[in-house]
């Protein structure tokens, strides 16, 4: 039972970290595209 809880917590932490990383990358990409767009205009 203990290992199951550990796995569950690990999986949860992994998902949260991935979601945060994805959001962070999207923000960086958006800013990069935005700066390119304003530069070309």
PDB file of N, CA and C in Angstrom:
ATOM      1  N   UNK A   1       0.829  -1.205   0.000  1.00  0.00           N
ATOM      2  CA  UNK A   1       0.000   0.000   0.000  1.00  0.00           C
ATOM      3  C   UNK A   1       0.867   1.260   0.000  1.00  0.00           C
ATOM      4  N   UNK A   2       1.948   1.222   0.774  1.00  0.00           N
ATOM      5  CA  UNK A   2       2.825   2.401   0.868  1.00  0.00           C
ATOM      6  C   UNK A   2       3.439   2.741  -0.497  1.00  0.00           C
ATOM      7  N   UNK A   3       3.890   1.714  -1.223  1.00  0.00           N
ATOM      8  CA  UNK A   3       4.516   1.981  -2.519  1.00  0.00           C
ATOM      9  C   UNK A   3       3.502   2.564  -3.495  1.00  0.00           C
ATOM     10  N   UNK A   4       2.257   2.129  -3.396  1.00  0.00           N
ATOM     11  CA  UNK A   4       1.211   2.657  -4.272  1.00  0.00           C
ATOM     12  C   UNK A   4       1.023   4.147  -4.059  1.00  0.00           C
ATOM     13  N   UNK A   5       1.039   4.566  -2.802  1.00  0.00           N
ATOM     14  CA  UNK A   5       0.890   5.989  -2.479  1.00  0.00           C
ATOM     15  C   UNK A   5       2.084   6.771  -3.003  1.00  0.00           C
ATOM     16  N   UNK A   6       3.272   6.196  -2.847  1.00  0.00           N
ATOM     17  CA  UNK A   6       4.489   6.869  -3.337  1.00  0.00           C
ATOM     18  C   UNK A   6       4.419   7.059  -4.846  1.00  0.00           C
ATOM     19  N   UNK A   7       3.979   6.017  -5.543  1.00  0.00           N
ATOM     20  CA  UNK A   7       3.859   6.091  -7.003  1.00  0.00           C
ATOM     21  C   UNK A   7       2.841   7.152  -7.397  1.00  0.00           C
ATOM     22  N   UNK A   8       1.734   7.193  -6.663  1.00  0.00           N
ATOM     23  CA  UNK A   8       0.677   8.164  -6.942  1.00  0.00           C
ATOM     24  C   UNK A   8       1.192   9.590  -6.779  1.00  0.00           C
ATOM     25  N   UNK A   9       1.900   9.836  -5.677  1.00  0.00           N
ATOM     26  CA  UNK A   9       2.464  11.170  -5.416  1.00  0.00           C
ATOM     27  C   UNK A   9       3.499  11.523  -6.488  1.00  0.00           C
ATOM     28  N   UNK A  10       4.317  10.543  -6.859  1.00  0.00           N
ATOM     29  CA  UNK A  10       5.328  10.760  -7.893  1.00  0.00           C
ATOM     30  C   UNK A  10       4.693  11.130  -9.225  1.00  0.00           C
ATOM     31  N   UNK A  11       3.638  10.395  -9.581  1.00  0.00           N
ATOM     32  CA  UNK A  11       2.947  10.649 -10.845  1.00  0.00           C
ATOM     33  C   UNK A  11       2.312  12.037 -10.833  1.00  0.00           C
ATOM     34  N   UNK A  12       1.724  12.393  -9.702  1.00  0.00           N
ATOM     35  CA  UNK A  12       1.080  13.699  -9.560  1.00  0.00           C
ATOM     36  C   UNK A  12       2.106  14.821  -9.715  1.00  0.00           C
ATOM     37  N   UNK A  13       3.244  14.666  -9.036  1.00  0.00           N
ATOM     38  CA  UNK A  13       4.305  15.673  -9.116  1.00  0.00           C
ATOM     39  C   UNK A  13       4.808  15.791 -10.554  1.00  0.00           C
ATOM     40  N   UNK A  14       4.934  14.638 -11.239  1.00  0.00           N
ATOM     41  CA  UNK A  14       5.408  14.616 -12.615  1.00  0.00           C
ATOM     42  C   UNK A  14       4.451  15.385 -13.523  1.00  0.00           C
ATOM     43  N   UNK A  15       3.155  15.135 -13.357  1.00  0.00           N
ATOM     44  CA  UNK A  15       2.140  15.801 -14.183  1.00  0.00           C
ATOM     45  C   UNK A  15       2.151  17.307 -13.944  1.00  0.00           C
ATOM     46  N   UNK A  16       2.220  17.694 -12.667  1.00  0.00           N
ATOM     47  CA  UNK A  16       2.223  19.119 -12.323  1.00  0.00           C
ATOM     48  C   UNK A  16       3.451  19.804 -12.911  1.00  0.00           C
ATOM     49  N   UNK A  17       4.616  19.158 -12.775  1.00  0.00           N
ATOM     50  CA  UNK A  17       5.857  19.724 -13.307  1.00  0.00           C
ATOM     51  C   UNK A  17       5.769  19.871 -14.823  1.00  0.00           C
ATOM     52  N   UNK A  18       5.232  18.851 -15.492  1.00  0.00           N
ATOM     53  CA  UNK A  18       5.103  18.894 -16.948  1.00  0.00           C
ATOM     54  C   UNK A  18       4.165  20.010 -17.388  1.00  0.00           C
ATOM     55  N   UNK A  19       3.051  20.153 -16.679  1.00  0.00           N
ATOM     56  CA  UNK A  19       2.086  21.198 -17.020  1.00  0.00           C
ATOM     57  C   UNK A  19       2.729  22.570 -16.865  1.00  0.00           C
ATOM     58  N   UNK A  20       3.487  22.746 -15.788  1.00  0.00           N
ATOM     59  CA  UNK A  20       4.146  24.025 -15.531  1.00  0.00           C
ATOM     60  C   UNK A  20       5.192  24.308 -16.604  1.00  0.00           C
ATOM     61  N   UNK A  21       5.960  23.268 -16.958  1.00  0.00           N
ATOM     62  CA  UNK A  21       7.000  23.424 -17.972  1.00  0.00           C
ATOM     63  C   UNK A  21       6.376  23.767 -19.325  1.00  0.00           C
ATOM     64  N   UNK A  22       5.279  23.109 -19.658  1.00  0.00           N
ATOM     65  CA  UNK A  22       4.607  23.364 -20.935  1.00  0.00           C
ATOM     66  C   UNK A  22       4.094  24.802 -20.989  1.00  0.00           C
ATOM     67  N   UNK A  23       3.523  25.258 -19.886  1.00  0.00           N
ATOM     68  CA  UNK A  23       2.999  26.622 -19.825  1.00  0.00           C
ATOM     69  C   UNK A  23       4.137  27.627 -19.965  1.00  0.00           C
ATOM     70  N   UNK A  24       5.255  27.331 -19.297  1.00  0.00           N
ATOM     71  CA  UNK A  24       6.417  28.212 -19.341  1.00  0.00           C
ATOM     72  C   UNK A  24       6.965  28.299 -20.760  1.00  0.00           C
ATOM     73  N   UNK A  25       7.078  27.147 -21.441  1.00  0.00           N
ATOM     74  CA  UNK A  25       7.595  27.124 -22.804  1.00  0.00           C
ATOM     75  C   UNK A  25       6.661  27.887 -23.747  1.00  0.00           C
ATOM     76  N   UNK A  26       5.358  27.708 -23.557  1.00  0.00           N
ATOM     77  CA  UNK A  26       4.388  28.401 -24.402  1.00  0.00           C
ATOM     78  C   UNK A  26       4.538  29.909 -24.240  1.00  0.00           C
ATOM     79  N   UNK A  27       4.759  30.342 -23.007  1.00  0.00           N
ATOM     80  CA  UNK A  27       4.918  31.769 -22.727  1.00  0.00           C
ATOM     81  C   UNK A  27       6.172  32.300 -23.437  1.00  0.00           C
ATOM     82  N   UNK A  28       7.256  31.531 -23.371  1.00  0.00           N
ATOM     83  CA  UNK A  28       8.494  31.948 -24.025  1.00  0.00           C
ATOM     84  C   UNK A  28       8.300  32.033 -25.535  1.00  0.00           C
ATOM     85  N   UNK A  29       7.666  31.016 -26.106  1.00  0.00           N
ATOM     86  CA  UNK A  29       7.416  31.000 -27.546  1.00  0.00           C
ATOM     87  C   UNK A  29       6.570  32.197 -27.956  1.00  0.00           C
ATOM     88  N   UNK A  30       5.547  32.477 -27.159  1.00  0.00           N
ATOM     89  CA  UNK A  30       4.649  33.591 -27.461  1.00  0.00           C
ATOM     90  C   UNK A  30       5.410  34.908 -27.463  1.00  0.00           C
ATOM     91  N   UNK A  31       6.251  35.104 -26.464  1.00  0.00           N
ATOM     92  CA  UNK A  31       7.019  36.351 -26.380  1.00  0.00           C
ATOM     93  C   UNK A  31       7.987  36.472 -27.552  1.00  0.00           C
ATOM     94  N   UNK A  32       8.573  35.337 -27.957  1.00  0.00           N
ATOM     95  CA  UNK A  32       9.504  35.344 -29.078  1.00  0.00           C
ATOM     96  C   UNK A  32       8.772  35.741 -30.362  1.00  0.00           C
ATOM     97  N   UNK A  33       7.626  35.124 -30.580  1.00  0.00           N
ATOM     98  CA  UNK A  33       6.831  35.420 -31.775  1.00  0.00           C
ATOM     99  C   UNK A  33       6.349  36.866 -31.751  1.00  0.00           C
ATOM    100  N   UNK A  34       5.939  37.311 -30.582  1.00  0.00           N
ATOM    101  CA  UNK A  34       5.440  38.678 -30.432  1.00  0.00           C
ATOM    102  C   UNK A  34       6.532  39.693 -30.771  1.00  0.00           C
ATOM    103  N   UNK A  35       7.738  39.460 -30.279  1.00  0.00           N
ATOM    104  CA  UNK A  35       8.834  40.392 -30.547  1.00  0.00           C
ATOM    105  C   UNK A  35       9.178  40.392 -32.035  1.00  0.00           C
ATOM    106  N   UNK A  36       9.121  39.213 -32.664  1.00  0.00           N
ATOM    107  CA  UNK A  36       9.371  39.119 -34.100  1.00  0.00           C
ATOM    108  C   UNK A  36       8.323  39.921 -34.869  1.00  0.00           C
ATOM    109  N   UNK A  37       7.071  39.763 -34.440  1.00  0.00           N
ATOM    110  CA  UNK A  37       5.959  40.433 -35.125  1.00  0.00           C
ATOM    111  C   UNK A  37       6.077  41.949 -35.020  1.00  0.00           C
ATOM    112  N   UNK A  38       6.368  42.427 -33.840  1.00  0.00           N
ATOM    113  CA  UNK A  38       6.469  43.879 -33.655  1.00  0.00           C
ATOM    114  C   UNK A  38       7.689  44.427 -34.391  1.00  0.00           C
ATOM    115  N   UNK A  39       8.725  43.618 -34.521  1.00  0.00           N
ATOM    116  CA  UNK A  39       9.937  44.046 -35.215  1.00  0.00           C
ATOM    117  C   UNK A  39       9.658  44.186 -36.717  1.00  0.00           C
ATOM    118  N   UNK A  40       8.896  43.233 -37.263  1.00  0.00           N
ATOM    119  CA  UNK A  40       8.630  43.224 -38.695  1.00  0.00           C
ATOM    120  C   UNK A  40       7.598  44.261 -39.108  1.00  0.00           C
ATOM    121  N   UNK A  41       6.794  44.716 -38.178  1.00  0.00           N
ATOM    122  CA  UNK A  41       5.755  45.682 -38.502  1.00  0.00           C
ATOM    123  C   UNK A  41       6.379  47.046 -38.653  1.00  0.00           C
TER     124      UNK A  41
END
